[in-house]
N, C-alpha and C. Protein backbone atom coordinates (compact mmCIF):
# COMPACT_ATOMS: atom_id res chain seq x y z
N MET A 1 25.38 152.50 116.86
CA MET A 1 25.04 151.11 116.75
C MET A 1 24.62 150.90 115.34
N SER A 2 23.89 152.07 114.46
CA SER A 2 23.25 151.37 112.91
C SER A 2 24.50 150.98 112.38
N GLU A 3 25.74 151.60 112.43
CA GLU A 3 26.70 150.95 111.41
C GLU A 3 26.65 149.16 111.77
N GLU A 4 26.84 149.18 113.14
CA GLU A 4 26.91 147.71 113.21
C GLU A 4 25.77 146.79 113.30
N LYS A 5 24.53 147.36 112.92
CA LYS A 5 23.70 146.43 112.69
C LYS A 5 23.52 146.44 111.50
N ASP A 6 23.71 146.83 110.52
CA ASP A 6 23.82 146.96 109.08
C ASP A 6 24.82 145.84 108.62
N VAL A 7 25.86 146.15 109.42
CA VAL A 7 27.32 144.77 108.96
C VAL A 7 26.75 143.50 109.08
N ILE A 8 25.78 143.34 110.44
CA ILE A 8 25.42 142.26 110.91
C ILE A 8 24.59 141.75 110.07
N VAL A 9 23.58 142.75 109.44
CA VAL A 9 22.72 141.94 108.63
C VAL A 9 22.54 141.89 107.33
N ARG A 10 24.15 142.49 106.83
CA ARG A 10 24.52 142.31 105.16
C ARG A 10 25.63 140.86 105.26
N LYS A 11 25.94 140.78 106.20
CA LYS A 11 26.89 139.26 106.26
C LYS A 11 25.65 138.66 106.52
N ALA A 12 24.77 138.42 107.26
CA ALA A 12 23.43 137.19 107.27
C ALA A 12 23.46 137.40 105.89
N MET A 13 23.01 138.25 105.29
CA MET A 13 22.25 137.95 103.87
C MET A 13 22.97 137.53 103.14
N GLU A 14 24.36 138.18 102.64
CA GLU A 14 25.35 137.12 101.63
C GLU A 14 25.43 135.68 101.83
N ALA A 15 25.57 135.41 103.01
CA ALA A 15 25.71 134.27 103.98
C ALA A 15 24.50 133.39 103.44
N TRP A 16 23.22 134.10 103.17
CA TRP A 16 22.11 133.36 103.28
C TRP A 16 21.78 133.13 101.55
N ASN A 17 22.16 133.98 100.75
CA ASN A 17 22.23 133.96 99.47
C ASN A 17 22.99 133.01 98.95
N ARG A 18 23.94 132.18 100.02
CA ARG A 18 24.93 131.27 99.36
C ARG A 18 24.13 130.25 99.97
N GLY A 19 23.10 130.27 100.32
CA GLY A 19 22.52 129.15 101.35
C GLY A 19 23.46 128.29 102.33
N ASP A 20 24.02 129.15 103.08
CA ASP A 20 24.96 129.06 104.02
C ASP A 20 24.39 129.27 105.50
N TRP A 21 23.41 128.33 105.42
CA TRP A 21 22.96 128.19 107.02
C TRP A 21 23.54 128.78 107.94
N ASP A 22 24.59 127.95 108.24
CA ASP A 22 25.63 128.28 109.71
C ASP A 22 26.11 129.98 109.85
N GLY A 23 26.41 130.21 108.15
CA GLY A 23 26.88 131.56 108.51
C GLY A 23 25.99 132.35 108.75
N VAL A 24 24.84 132.65 108.34
CA VAL A 24 23.61 133.30 108.20
C VAL A 24 23.88 133.40 109.91
N LEU A 25 23.73 132.01 110.54
CA LEU A 25 23.43 132.29 112.39
C LEU A 25 24.57 132.57 113.00
N LYS A 26 25.78 132.73 112.33
CA LYS A 26 26.83 132.72 113.07
C LYS A 26 26.80 134.26 114.04
N ASP A 27 26.32 135.09 113.51
CA ASP A 27 26.17 135.87 114.76
C ASP A 27 24.63 135.94 115.19
N ALA A 28 23.71 134.94 115.26
CA ALA A 28 22.53 134.96 116.13
C ALA A 28 22.88 134.30 117.65
N ALA A 29 22.19 135.02 118.42
CA ALA A 29 21.61 134.09 119.75
C ALA A 29 21.57 132.83 119.97
N PRO A 30 21.96 131.79 120.75
CA PRO A 30 21.38 130.76 120.72
C PRO A 30 19.81 130.29 121.02
N ASP A 31 19.35 131.82 121.22
CA ASP A 31 17.88 131.62 121.12
C ASP A 31 17.11 132.25 120.03
N PHE A 32 17.72 132.56 119.01
CA PHE A 32 17.22 133.59 118.10
C PHE A 32 15.74 132.47 117.50
N VAL A 33 15.10 133.90 117.10
CA VAL A 33 13.80 133.20 116.46
C VAL A 33 13.63 133.82 115.20
N LEU A 34 13.19 133.29 114.33
CA LEU A 34 12.74 133.91 113.15
C LEU A 34 11.24 133.38 113.10
N ASP A 35 10.56 134.91 113.24
CA ASP A 35 8.97 135.17 112.72
C ASP A 35 8.16 135.26 111.47
N ASN A 36 8.09 134.01 110.96
CA ASN A 36 7.37 134.19 109.80
C ASN A 36 6.05 133.67 109.55
N SER A 37 5.20 134.49 110.81
CA SER A 37 3.86 133.89 111.06
C SER A 37 2.87 134.94 109.77
N THR A 38 3.61 135.66 109.48
CA THR A 38 2.37 136.59 108.23
C THR A 38 2.71 135.83 106.96
N ALA A 39 3.69 134.35 106.69
CA ALA A 39 3.78 133.94 105.54
C ALA A 39 2.62 133.04 105.34
N MET A 40 2.90 132.82 104.03
CA MET A 40 1.93 131.35 103.60
C MET A 40 2.43 130.39 103.09
N GLY A 41 1.95 129.46 103.48
CA GLY A 41 2.65 127.80 102.75
C GLY A 41 3.37 127.47 104.10
N GLU A 42 3.92 126.40 103.88
CA GLU A 42 4.56 125.46 104.94
C GLU A 42 5.36 125.55 105.87
N TRP A 43 6.19 127.06 105.34
CA TRP A 43 7.47 127.60 105.95
C TRP A 43 6.63 128.49 107.29
N ARG A 44 5.47 128.95 107.43
CA ARG A 44 4.58 129.88 107.73
C ARG A 44 5.04 129.12 109.56
N GLY A 45 4.72 130.37 110.40
CA GLY A 45 4.97 130.06 111.79
C GLY A 45 6.34 130.59 112.38
N VAL A 46 6.56 130.49 113.69
CA VAL A 46 7.61 130.86 114.50
C VAL A 46 8.69 129.82 114.40
N HIS A 47 9.51 130.21 114.10
CA HIS A 47 10.74 129.32 114.14
C HIS A 47 12.11 129.81 115.74
N HIS A 48 12.48 128.67 116.58
CA HIS A 48 13.10 128.98 117.37
C HIS A 48 14.46 128.16 117.60
N GLY A 49 15.38 128.82 117.40
CA GLY A 49 16.63 128.07 117.32
C GLY A 49 17.09 127.73 116.14
N ALA A 50 18.47 127.37 116.03
CA ALA A 50 19.23 127.56 114.74
C ALA A 50 18.45 126.41 114.06
N ASP A 51 18.43 125.15 115.06
CA ASP A 51 17.96 123.85 114.11
C ASP A 51 16.52 123.98 113.21
N GLN A 52 15.57 124.59 114.04
CA GLN A 52 14.25 124.89 113.70
C GLN A 52 14.24 125.87 112.41
N VAL A 53 15.33 126.84 112.21
CA VAL A 53 15.09 128.20 111.43
C VAL A 53 15.95 127.29 109.85
N LYS A 54 17.19 126.50 110.24
CA LYS A 54 17.68 125.93 108.94
C LYS A 54 16.91 125.46 108.47
N ALA A 55 16.02 124.39 109.18
CA ALA A 55 15.29 123.50 108.39
C ALA A 55 13.94 124.14 107.65
N MET A 56 13.36 125.23 107.94
CA MET A 56 12.70 125.96 107.43
C MET A 56 13.10 126.61 106.20
N TRP A 57 14.44 127.13 106.39
CA TRP A 57 15.07 128.02 104.97
C TRP A 57 15.15 126.62 104.40
N GLN A 58 15.65 125.75 104.60
CA GLN A 58 15.99 124.39 103.45
C GLN A 58 14.96 124.15 102.31
N LYS A 59 13.38 123.75 103.51
CA LYS A 59 12.51 123.85 103.02
C LYS A 59 11.78 124.85 102.00
N PHE A 60 12.11 126.40 102.42
CA PHE A 60 11.42 127.08 101.40
C PHE A 60 12.56 127.51 100.61
N THR A 61 13.86 127.11 100.28
CA THR A 61 14.32 127.12 99.16
C THR A 61 15.12 125.91 97.93
N GLU A 62 14.29 124.85 98.67
CA GLU A 62 14.45 123.56 98.16
C GLU A 62 14.02 123.59 96.60
N PRO A 63 12.63 124.00 96.50
CA PRO A 63 12.42 123.71 95.12
C PRO A 63 12.80 124.54 94.21
N TRP A 64 13.55 125.69 94.32
CA TRP A 64 13.88 126.55 93.32
C TRP A 64 15.88 126.26 93.12
N GLU A 65 15.28 126.93 91.89
CA GLU A 65 17.34 126.73 91.26
C GLU A 65 18.27 127.43 91.88
N SER A 66 17.55 129.24 92.15
CA SER A 66 18.42 129.81 93.09
C SER A 66 17.08 131.07 93.71
N VAL A 67 17.51 131.36 94.63
CA VAL A 67 16.64 132.37 95.53
C VAL A 67 17.49 133.51 95.77
N CYS A 68 17.72 134.82 95.42
CA CYS A 68 18.54 135.56 95.83
C CYS A 68 17.87 136.59 96.63
N ILE A 69 18.17 137.26 97.65
CA ILE A 69 17.32 138.30 97.82
C ILE A 69 18.67 139.97 98.51
N GLU A 70 17.97 141.03 98.05
CA GLU A 70 19.07 141.97 97.84
C GLU A 70 18.44 143.36 98.53
N ILE A 71 19.08 143.50 99.69
CA ILE A 71 18.65 144.85 100.25
C ILE A 71 18.68 145.72 99.76
N SER A 72 17.69 147.09 99.70
CA SER A 72 17.89 148.10 98.83
C SER A 72 17.78 149.37 99.91
N GLU A 73 17.47 149.08 101.07
CA GLU A 73 17.17 150.11 102.10
C GLU A 73 17.25 149.51 103.57
N PHE A 74 18.22 150.16 104.31
CA PHE A 74 18.22 150.03 105.72
C PHE A 74 17.38 151.15 106.45
N ILE A 75 16.52 150.97 107.21
CA ILE A 75 15.83 151.88 108.11
C ILE A 75 16.09 151.46 109.47
N ASP A 76 16.80 152.77 110.34
CA ASP A 76 16.72 152.53 111.86
C ASP A 76 15.44 152.99 112.55
N VAL A 77 14.98 151.78 113.18
CA VAL A 77 13.99 151.97 113.85
C VAL A 77 13.80 152.11 115.63
N SER A 78 15.14 151.53 115.97
CA SER A 78 15.58 152.15 117.36
C SER A 78 16.80 151.49 117.75
N GLU A 79 17.42 151.67 118.79
CA GLU A 79 18.67 151.09 118.84
C GLU A 79 18.97 149.56 118.65
N GLU A 80 17.55 148.78 119.06
CA GLU A 80 18.29 147.50 118.46
C GLU A 80 17.71 146.99 117.39
N VAL A 81 16.64 147.81 116.64
CA VAL A 81 15.74 147.32 115.24
C VAL A 81 16.34 147.93 114.15
N VAL A 82 16.23 147.25 113.39
CA VAL A 82 16.49 148.15 111.87
C VAL A 82 15.52 147.10 110.72
N LEU A 83 14.78 148.13 109.94
CA LEU A 83 14.07 147.32 108.92
C LEU A 83 14.94 147.51 107.68
N THR A 84 14.98 146.32 106.98
CA THR A 84 15.16 146.27 105.60
C THR A 84 14.08 146.43 104.63
N ARG A 85 14.28 146.71 103.59
CA ARG A 85 13.91 146.45 102.48
C ARG A 85 14.36 146.08 101.57
N GLN A 86 13.65 145.16 100.73
CA GLN A 86 14.80 144.28 99.70
C GLN A 86 13.39 143.58 98.82
N LYS A 87 14.41 142.88 97.87
CA LYS A 87 13.59 141.87 96.76
C LYS A 87 14.24 140.46 96.38
N ALA A 88 13.23 139.82 96.24
CA ALA A 88 13.97 138.74 96.13
C ALA A 88 13.74 138.21 94.68
N HIS A 89 14.52 137.65 94.19
CA HIS A 89 14.50 137.20 92.44
C HIS A 89 14.57 135.68 92.44
N PHE A 90 13.65 134.90 92.23
CA PHE A 90 13.10 133.32 92.21
C PHE A 90 13.69 133.45 90.99
N VAL A 91 14.48 131.86 90.78
CA VAL A 91 14.48 130.77 89.41
C VAL A 91 14.17 129.70 89.75
N GLY A 92 13.19 128.77 89.43
CA GLY A 92 12.52 127.86 89.34
C GLY A 92 13.83 126.75 88.86
N ARG A 93 13.06 125.32 89.20
CA ARG A 93 14.44 124.29 88.77
C ARG A 93 14.30 124.09 87.29
N ASP A 94 12.90 124.47 86.53
CA ASP A 94 12.95 124.42 85.02
C ASP A 94 13.86 126.12 84.82
N ARG A 95 14.28 126.83 85.28
CA ARG A 95 14.68 128.08 84.67
C ARG A 95 13.65 128.73 84.50
N ILE A 96 12.96 129.10 85.42
CA ILE A 96 11.62 129.83 84.47
C ILE A 96 11.43 130.81 86.16
N GLU A 97 11.47 132.07 85.87
CA GLU A 97 11.68 133.31 86.69
C GLU A 97 10.38 133.41 87.41
N VAL A 98 10.39 133.73 88.21
CA VAL A 98 9.39 134.09 88.75
C VAL A 98 9.03 135.86 88.51
N PRO A 99 7.98 136.19 87.89
CA PRO A 99 8.05 137.97 87.12
C PRO A 99 8.33 138.57 88.32
N GLY A 100 9.15 139.78 87.81
CA GLY A 100 9.60 140.96 88.77
C GLY A 100 10.05 140.62 90.02
N PRO A 101 10.61 141.33 90.72
CA PRO A 101 11.25 141.35 91.94
C PRO A 101 9.96 141.05 92.81
N VAL A 102 10.10 139.87 93.95
CA VAL A 102 9.11 140.21 95.14
C VAL A 102 9.72 141.13 96.36
N ARG A 103 9.03 142.09 96.80
CA ARG A 103 9.34 143.04 97.40
C ARG A 103 9.01 142.82 98.74
N SER A 104 9.91 143.14 99.97
CA SER A 104 8.88 142.17 101.33
C SER A 104 10.18 143.49 102.14
N GLY A 105 9.80 143.41 103.40
CA GLY A 105 10.10 144.21 104.41
C GLY A 105 10.72 143.63 105.74
N TRP A 106 11.66 143.35 106.49
CA TRP A 106 11.84 142.73 107.21
C TRP A 106 12.50 143.49 108.58
N LEU A 107 11.87 143.16 110.03
CA LEU A 107 12.49 143.55 110.91
C LEU A 107 13.47 143.07 111.91
N TRP A 108 14.78 143.48 112.12
CA TRP A 108 15.73 142.38 112.65
C TRP A 108 16.20 143.38 114.07
N THR A 109 16.26 142.30 114.89
CA THR A 109 16.50 142.69 116.30
C THR A 109 17.84 142.39 116.87
N ILE A 110 18.76 143.22 117.40
CA ILE A 110 20.07 143.27 117.08
C ILE A 110 20.58 143.29 118.73
N ARG A 111 20.67 142.57 119.32
CA ARG A 111 20.77 143.00 120.86
C ARG A 111 22.63 142.33 121.19
N ASP A 112 23.37 143.48 122.12
CA ASP A 112 25.01 142.80 122.47
C ASP A 112 25.84 142.38 121.30
N GLY A 113 25.29 143.04 119.89
CA GLY A 113 26.03 142.46 118.72
C GLY A 113 25.42 140.97 118.33
N ALA A 114 24.46 140.65 118.68
CA ALA A 114 23.93 139.41 118.06
C ALA A 114 22.22 139.05 117.77
N LEU A 115 22.46 138.56 116.43
CA LEU A 115 20.47 138.58 116.13
C LEU A 115 19.77 137.60 117.17
N VAL A 116 18.67 138.68 117.24
CA VAL A 116 17.81 137.51 118.51
C VAL A 116 16.61 137.45 117.59
N HIS A 117 16.13 138.64 117.10
CA HIS A 117 14.72 137.98 116.48
C HIS A 117 14.49 138.49 114.77
N LEU A 118 14.36 137.71 113.89
CA LEU A 118 13.59 138.71 112.81
C LEU A 118 12.59 137.95 112.37
N ALA A 119 11.29 138.91 112.17
CA ALA A 119 10.25 139.32 111.50
C ALA A 119 10.26 139.45 110.38
N VAL A 120 9.63 138.26 109.50
CA VAL A 120 9.66 138.51 108.11
C VAL A 120 8.01 138.67 107.45
N TYR A 121 8.27 139.98 107.35
CA TYR A 121 6.64 140.45 106.15
C TYR A 121 6.70 140.21 104.76
N ALA A 122 5.71 140.21 104.31
CA ALA A 122 6.12 140.13 102.55
C ALA A 122 5.64 141.41 101.70
N ASN A 123 5.46 142.62 102.52
CA ASN A 123 5.54 143.13 101.99
C ASN A 123 5.62 144.70 102.80
N LEU A 124 6.46 145.93 102.24
CA LEU A 124 6.93 146.71 103.08
C LEU A 124 6.07 147.55 104.13
N ASP A 125 4.73 147.68 103.39
CA ASP A 125 3.79 148.24 104.15
C ASP A 125 3.46 147.43 105.63
N ASP A 126 3.13 146.61 105.69
CA ASP A 126 3.25 145.66 107.21
C ASP A 126 4.55 145.40 107.84
N ALA A 127 5.54 145.57 107.32
CA ALA A 127 6.81 145.89 108.06
C ALA A 127 6.84 147.12 108.93
N LEU A 128 6.47 148.22 107.71
CA LEU A 128 6.22 149.73 108.57
C LEU A 128 5.66 149.76 109.48
N GLU A 129 4.41 148.98 109.29
CA GLU A 129 3.58 149.17 110.44
C GLU A 129 3.67 148.64 111.94
N ALA A 130 4.40 147.11 111.16
CA ALA A 130 4.70 146.31 112.80
C ALA A 130 6.06 147.16 113.50
N ALA A 131 6.64 148.45 112.78
CA ALA A 131 7.52 148.81 113.20
C ALA A 131 6.82 150.05 113.59
N GLY A 132 5.83 150.31 113.64
CA GLY A 132 5.74 151.81 114.21
C GLY A 132 6.09 153.03 113.51
N LEU A 133 6.28 152.57 112.28
CA LEU A 133 6.31 153.66 111.32
C LEU A 133 5.74 154.07 110.14
N ALA A 134 4.18 153.38 109.73
CA ALA A 134 3.28 153.70 109.04
C ALA A 134 2.65 154.99 109.21
N GLU A 135 2.18 155.58 107.96
CA GLU A 135 1.88 156.97 107.67
C GLU A 135 0.26 156.78 107.90
């Protein structure tokens, strides 16, 4: 299942980087949940279903010229859960870049080939702790 999870997540992130929200959710369950409760800002919260999730992503990316998220590592947590380590690059509408990549960790739950849950953590240590992998 590990390879299948990785493919689903990679396809979702490729679509996300294109701003193709429907493409991101192509392999998502109808009751997909995005848990962004550890975030700061107006996009913080738990978002249920495609409409809420797409609205949050639109709000999050709208102020930026570009946001690109690059996955650097996949860590198998369980049969259904994979943790990704990634870095994000932000470029503002005035072409000013946020210094250095912003690094984070995300926990993806995939059941029967469908994304069912994504928990976003601002840093990898919090994601590892949530996954029960902290040292």
